Amino acid sequence: MDFGKLTDISKVDFSLPKDGFLFLDKPNENPLEVFVGPPIWANKAWLGKIYPHDAKDADFLYHYAQQFNTIELNVTHYQTPTDETIKRWKSQVGKLFTFCPKFPQSISHERQLIGTADATNHFVGQISKLEENLGTAFLQLPPYLGFNRLQILKDYLKTLPKDLDIAVEFRHESWFEKNKCRCQLKCILYF
């Protein structure tokens, strides 16, 4: 499985399910919020296109936030942001902009969610300083962590604050096998 890539999309069903999307049925009661943004803001190729020709590197996030309302913070996969970094990020975006930080690879990939209480608490403590700008946090599982580790994932998710929105990115093909009990996957979403 080449994760995230299809060579032939002719057999992909792109239709939305008929149930489970109440905001489509009653738009006035549950307005749809759409968040759009690529995973980086430091893109010099955008000079003169999305950013002004003369934009400085230090101003890229400010200009990015003028065009998009969210970003997947891949940088947090490699290091937990400092207080100074968080303060700088927040100063360059508006109140409606959301940062979606990725859990550090030291937690997800190196330790595979085991024995990570201190690192997790530090990470969660830091990203919580984003306050109103904190969006959904991404827990990207490594491509070698399969469905047979479901209980470890459930146990890890139970340790996280209940008010932290989390998305889990499954990368091992065993999570997508047709004969797996989908209710087990749903259970981790409602731990």
Protein backbone atom coordinates (compact mmCIF):
# COMPACT_ATOMS: atom_id res chain seq x y z
CA MET A 1 0.00 0.00 0.00
CA ASP A 2 1.45 3.32 -1.04
CA PHE A 3 -0.22 5.39 1.65
CA GLY A 4 -2.28 8.30 0.39
CA LYS A 5 -1.67 7.60 -3.28
CA LEU A 6 -3.89 5.96 -5.85
CA THR A 7 -2.79 5.16 -9.36
CA ASP A 8 -6.38 4.65 -10.56
CA ILE A 9 -9.29 6.60 -9.04
CA SER A 10 -11.92 5.27 -11.45
CA LYS A 11 -13.35 2.88 -8.82
CA VAL A 12 -13.35 5.34 -5.90
CA ASP A 13 -16.79 6.30 -4.57
CA PHE A 14 -16.62 10.01 -3.75
CA SER A 15 -20.28 10.30 -2.70
CA LEU A 16 -21.09 11.42 0.84
CA PRO A 17 -23.01 9.08 3.15
CA LYS A 18 -26.72 9.86 3.46
CA ASP A 19 -26.75 9.65 7.25
CA GLY A 20 -24.35 11.11 9.76
CA PHE A 21 -24.13 14.54 8.18
CA LEU A 22 -26.87 16.52 9.92
CA PHE A 23 -25.34 19.82 8.85
CA LEU A 24 -26.19 18.94 5.26
CA ASP A 25 -29.86 18.36 6.13
CA LYS A 26 -30.35 21.37 8.41
CA PRO A 27 -27.83 24.03 7.46
CA ASN A 28 -29.43 26.73 9.61
CA GLU A 29 -29.26 24.65 12.78
CA ASN A 30 -25.74 23.27 12.35
CA PRO A 31 -23.67 25.55 10.14
CA LEU A 32 -20.85 23.87 8.28
CA GLU A 33 -17.37 25.06 9.21
CA VAL A 34 -14.73 24.48 6.59
CA PHE A 35 -11.03 24.71 7.36
CA VAL A 36 -8.66 25.04 4.44
CA GLY A 37 -4.90 25.13 4.47
CA PRO A 38 -1.84 23.27 3.26
CA PRO A 39 0.67 21.80 5.75
CA ILE A 40 3.38 24.49 5.44
CA TRP A 41 3.61 28.25 5.31
CA ALA A 42 7.34 28.55 4.50
CA ASN A 43 6.97 28.22 0.75
CA LYS A 44 9.11 30.60 -1.32
CA ALA A 45 7.33 29.42 -4.49
CA TRP A 46 4.30 31.39 -3.28
CA LEU A 47 6.12 34.73 -3.48
CA GLY A 48 4.22 36.88 -5.95
CA LYS A 49 1.34 34.40 -6.04
CA ILE A 50 -0.06 33.97 -2.53
CA TYR A 51 2.46 36.17 -0.73
CA PRO A 52 3.62 39.62 -1.84
CA HIS A 53 6.78 39.61 -4.02
CA ASP A 54 8.80 41.25 -1.27
CA ALA A 55 7.52 39.19 1.70
CA LYS A 56 10.20 38.23 4.21
CA ASP A 57 10.48 34.67 5.56
CA ALA A 58 9.54 35.90 9.03
CA ASP A 59 6.25 37.24 7.62
CA PHE A 60 5.19 34.10 5.73
CA LEU A 61 2.83 32.89 8.48
CA TYR A 62 1.12 36.30 8.60
CA HIS A 63 0.54 36.21 4.83
CA TYR A 64 -0.48 32.56 4.95
CA ALA A 65 -3.15 33.40 7.57
CA GLN A 66 -4.57 36.05 5.22
CA GLN A 67 -5.37 33.31 2.68
CA PHE A 68 -6.05 30.20 4.79
CA ASN A 69 -7.73 29.54 8.14
CA THR A 70 -5.81 26.49 9.37
CA ILE A 71 -2.55 24.59 9.14
CA GLU A 72 -1.38 21.12 10.05
CA LEU A 73 1.67 21.86 12.16
CA ASN A 74 4.14 19.27 10.91
CA VAL A 75 6.95 21.08 12.74
CA THR A 76 5.57 19.78 16.06
CA HIS A 77 6.18 16.23 14.85
CA TYR A 78 9.91 17.00 15.19
CA GLN A 79 9.96 19.32 18.21
CA THR A 80 7.57 20.66 20.80
CA PRO A 81 7.18 24.43 20.41
CA THR A 82 8.62 26.77 23.03
CA ASP A 83 6.62 29.51 24.75
CA GLU A 84 8.34 32.09 22.54
CA THR A 85 7.43 30.21 19.37
CA ILE A 86 3.79 29.89 20.40
CA LYS A 87 3.62 33.59 21.24
CA ARG A 88 5.11 34.49 17.83
CA TRP A 89 2.71 32.20 15.96
CA LYS A 90 -0.32 33.61 17.77
CA SER A 91 0.76 37.20 17.07
CA GLN A 92 0.75 36.54 13.32
CA VAL A 93 -2.76 35.07 12.95
CA GLY A 94 -6.31 36.14 13.76
CA LYS A 95 -8.56 34.67 16.45
CA LEU A 96 -10.39 32.43 13.97
CA PHE A 97 -7.21 30.79 12.65
CA THR A 98 -6.52 27.26 13.92
CA PHE A 99 -3.24 25.43 14.35
CA CYS A 100 -3.55 21.64 14.15
CA PRO A 101 -0.37 20.32 15.77
CA LYS A 102 0.96 16.86 15.03
CA PHE A 103 2.04 14.77 18.01
CA PRO A 104 5.84 14.40 18.27
CA GLN A 105 7.35 11.40 16.53
CA SER A 106 9.17 10.55 19.76
CA ILE A 107 5.73 9.63 21.16
CA SER A 108 4.06 8.08 18.13
CA HIS A 109 6.90 6.53 16.16
CA GLU A 110 9.86 5.98 18.47
CA ARG A 111 8.03 4.94 21.67
CA GLN A 112 4.87 3.75 19.84
CA LEU A 113 2.61 5.32 22.53
CA ILE A 114 4.23 3.36 25.40
CA GLY A 115 5.87 5.05 28.38
CA THR A 116 5.28 8.55 27.02
CA ALA A 117 3.42 10.23 29.89
CA ASP A 118 6.02 12.96 30.50
CA ALA A 119 6.53 13.76 26.81
CA THR A 120 2.78 13.72 26.19
CA ASN A 121 2.03 15.99 29.15
CA HIS A 122 4.71 18.43 28.02
CA PHE A 123 3.42 18.48 24.44
CA VAL A 124 -0.23 18.87 25.47
CA GLY A 125 0.72 21.59 27.94
CA GLN A 126 2.57 23.55 25.26
CA ILE A 127 -0.05 23.27 22.52
CA SER A 128 -2.78 24.25 24.98
CA LYS A 129 -1.08 27.65 25.12
CA LEU A 130 -2.38 28.20 21.58
CA GLU A 131 -5.72 28.72 23.37
CA GLU A 132 -8.47 29.80 20.93
CA ASN A 133 -6.11 29.08 18.03
CA LEU A 134 -5.75 25.40 18.94
CA GLY A 135 -7.53 23.15 16.47
CA THR A 136 -7.55 19.39 16.21
CA ALA A 137 -4.28 17.67 17.17
CA PHE A 138 -3.05 14.92 14.82
CA LEU A 139 -1.76 11.63 16.13
CA GLN A 140 -0.06 10.10 13.11
CA LEU A 141 0.60 6.43 13.67
CA PRO A 142 3.75 5.01 12.09
CA PRO A 143 3.34 2.82 9.01
CA TYR A 144 4.52 -0.22 10.99
CA LEU A 145 1.94 0.12 13.82
CA GLY A 146 -0.91 -2.19 12.85
CA PHE A 147 -4.41 -3.04 13.99
CA ASN A 148 -2.98 -5.61 16.41
CA ARG A 149 -1.94 -2.59 18.58
CA LEU A 150 -5.52 -1.34 18.97
CA GLN A 151 -5.56 -1.76 22.76
CA ILE A 152 -2.34 0.26 23.12
CA LEU A 153 -3.92 3.05 21.08
CA LYS A 154 -7.12 2.96 23.17
CA ASP A 155 -5.13 3.05 26.41
CA TYR A 156 -3.05 5.97 25.17
CA LEU A 157 -6.07 7.98 24.06
CA LYS A 158 -7.67 7.54 27.49
CA THR A 159 -4.72 9.38 29.04
CA LEU A 160 -5.33 12.54 27.01
CA PRO A 161 -7.45 15.47 28.20
CA LYS A 162 -11.11 15.04 27.29
CA ASP A 163 -11.30 18.57 25.87
CA LEU A 164 -8.45 17.99 23.40
CA ASP A 165 -9.77 17.32 19.90
CA ILE A 166 -7.71 14.55 18.32
CA ALA A 167 -7.60 12.98 14.87
CA VAL A 168 -5.78 9.67 14.47
CA GLU A 169 -4.03 9.02 11.16
CA PHE A 170 -3.81 5.29 10.48
CA ARG A 171 -1.03 4.32 8.07
CA HIS A 172 -0.61 0.55 8.34
CA GLU A 173 -2.74 -1.30 5.79
CA SER A 174 -4.23 -3.62 8.46
CA TRP A 175 -6.40 -0.73 9.72
CA PHE A 176 -8.12 -0.68 6.32
CA GLU A 177 -8.72 -4.38 5.73
CA LYS A 178 -12.30 -5.10 4.66
CA ASN A 179 -12.93 -7.87 7.19
CA LYS A 180 -11.96 -5.83 10.26
CA CYS A 181 -14.74 -5.00 12.67
CA ARG A 182 -15.35 -1.31 12.04
CA CYS A 183 -17.09 -0.96 15.40
CA GLN A 184 -13.70 -1.50 17.09
CA LEU A 185 -12.31 1.49 15.25
CA LYS A 186 -15.36 3.58 16.17
CA CYS A 187 -14.82 2.66 19.82
CA ILE A 188 -11.50 4.46 19.95
CA LEU A 189 -13.19 7.61 18.73
CA TYR A 190 -15.59 7.54 21.67
CA PHE A 191 -13.28 6.31 24.42
